[in-house]
Amino acid sequence: MGELAKIQPELAAQGVGLAAISVDDPADSAALAERLGVQFPLLSDPQVRVIAAYGVQMEGQALAVPATFVIRPDRTIAWQYVGDTVPDRPPADVVRQEVERMR
């Protein structure tokens, strides 16, 4: 998430927004955002509804696996990366390339 925070201004200049979602309490997410310097919304999904709808709920747990989605303006998924472990996330350059490919 910290890597995405670094490219967030660049993406915002292109009209692309970022958001993150987890089961974490909003106060915990706010503290994490401050620690990482994240300026985009960190949303809370304690009932795991959105996480499950995107198919990224950890099996048997009320948690999400790390995942990154690039979503088109029509709300369809242009690209997704679903990690196997917490540190398994795509580099910011890969996300940037996928956003460019979508345009």
Protein backbone atom coordinates (compact mmCIF):
# COMPACT_ATOMS: atom_id res chain seq x y z
CA MET A 1 0.00 0.00 0.00
CA GLY A 2 2.90 2.31 0.68
CA GLU A 3 4.14 1.88 -2.91
CA LEU A 4 0.72 2.83 -4.25
CA ALA A 5 0.75 5.90 -2.04
CA LYS A 6 3.89 7.03 -3.86
CA ILE A 7 2.19 6.97 -7.28
CA GLN A 8 -1.19 8.22 -6.05
CA PRO A 9 -0.56 11.87 -7.06
CA GLU A 10 0.44 10.75 -10.56
CA LEU A 11 -2.66 8.59 -10.90
CA ALA A 12 -4.90 11.33 -9.50
CA ALA A 13 -3.57 13.72 -12.15
CA GLN A 14 -4.82 11.20 -14.73
CA GLY A 15 -8.25 11.06 -13.09
CA VAL A 16 -7.59 7.69 -11.46
CA GLY A 17 -8.58 7.20 -7.83
CA LEU A 18 -7.25 4.72 -5.29
CA ALA A 19 -8.99 3.09 -2.35
CA ALA A 20 -8.18 0.20 -0.06
CA ILE A 21 -10.56 -2.03 1.84
CA SER A 22 -10.05 -4.34 4.79
CA VAL A 23 -11.89 -5.73 7.77
CA ASP A 24 -9.94 -3.39 10.03
CA ASP A 25 -11.67 -0.90 12.28
CA PRO A 26 -11.74 2.62 10.74
CA ALA A 27 -9.58 3.98 13.58
CA ASP A 28 -6.93 1.31 12.94
CA SER A 29 -7.04 2.08 9.21
CA ALA A 30 -6.63 5.79 9.90
CA ALA A 31 -3.56 5.09 12.05
CA LEU A 32 -2.10 2.89 9.30
CA ALA A 33 -2.77 5.56 6.66
CA GLU A 34 -0.99 8.13 8.77
CA ARG A 35 1.98 5.83 9.39
CA LEU A 36 2.32 5.01 5.67
CA GLY A 37 1.50 8.50 4.39
CA VAL A 38 -1.51 7.18 2.49
CA GLN A 39 -3.79 9.94 1.17
CA PHE A 40 -6.46 7.71 -0.40
CA PRO A 41 -9.45 6.22 1.45
CA LEU A 42 -8.98 3.10 3.57
CA LEU A 43 -12.45 1.60 3.76
CA SER A 44 -13.77 -0.82 6.36
CA ASP A 45 -15.67 -4.03 5.52
CA PRO A 46 -16.07 -5.77 8.91
CA GLN A 47 -18.82 -8.07 7.60
CA VAL A 48 -16.56 -9.13 4.68
CA ARG A 49 -19.32 -8.43 2.14
CA VAL A 50 -17.28 -6.54 -0.44
CA ILE A 51 -14.20 -8.68 0.15
CA ALA A 52 -16.22 -11.85 -0.45
CA ALA A 53 -17.95 -10.34 -3.51
CA TYR A 54 -14.55 -9.73 -5.10
CA GLY A 55 -13.47 -13.29 -4.26
CA VAL A 56 -10.56 -12.33 -2.04
CA GLN A 57 -11.70 -13.63 1.34
CA MET A 58 -9.16 -15.88 3.04
CA GLU A 59 -10.57 -19.36 3.17
CA GLY A 60 -12.34 -19.94 6.48
CA GLN A 61 -11.43 -16.50 7.85
CA ALA A 62 -13.01 -13.07 8.02
CA LEU A 63 -9.97 -11.50 6.34
CA ALA A 64 -8.94 -10.52 2.84
CA VAL A 65 -5.95 -11.83 0.98
CA PRO A 66 -3.85 -9.02 -0.48
CA ALA A 67 -5.33 -8.06 -3.84
CA THR A 68 -5.14 -5.17 -6.27
CA PHE A 69 -7.84 -4.34 -8.82
CA VAL A 70 -7.87 -1.85 -11.66
CA ILE A 71 -11.50 -1.02 -12.29
CA ARG A 72 -12.78 0.69 -15.42
CA PRO A 73 -15.16 3.67 -15.22
CA ASP A 74 -18.02 1.28 -16.10
CA ARG A 75 -17.12 -0.62 -12.89
CA THR A 76 -15.83 -3.74 -14.64
CA ILE A 77 -12.48 -5.21 -13.64
CA ALA A 78 -9.74 -4.38 -16.14
CA TRP A 79 -6.99 -6.22 -14.23
CA GLN A 80 -6.50 -7.95 -10.93
CA TYR A 81 -3.66 -9.35 -8.88
CA VAL A 82 -4.48 -11.65 -5.99
CA GLY A 83 -1.56 -12.42 -3.72
CA ASP A 84 -0.84 -15.59 -1.76
CA THR A 85 0.65 -13.95 1.34
CA VAL A 86 0.45 -10.56 3.02
CA PRO A 87 3.64 -9.19 1.38
CA ASP A 88 2.62 -10.59 -2.04
CA ARG A 89 1.57 -7.40 -3.80
CA PRO A 90 2.33 -6.09 -7.29
CA PRO A 91 4.96 -3.37 -7.65
CA ALA A 92 3.60 0.13 -8.21
CA ASP A 93 5.10 0.14 -11.71
CA VAL A 94 2.98 -2.86 -12.66
CA VAL A 95 -0.17 -1.13 -11.38
CA ARG A 96 0.81 2.02 -13.30
CA GLN A 97 1.23 -0.04 -16.50
CA GLU A 98 -2.16 -1.70 -16.05
CA VAL A 99 -3.83 1.67 -15.54
CA GLU A 100 -2.18 2.93 -18.74
CA ARG A 101 -3.32 -0.18 -20.62
CA MET A 102 -6.89 0.46 -19.49
CA ARG A 103 -6.94 3.96 -20.98
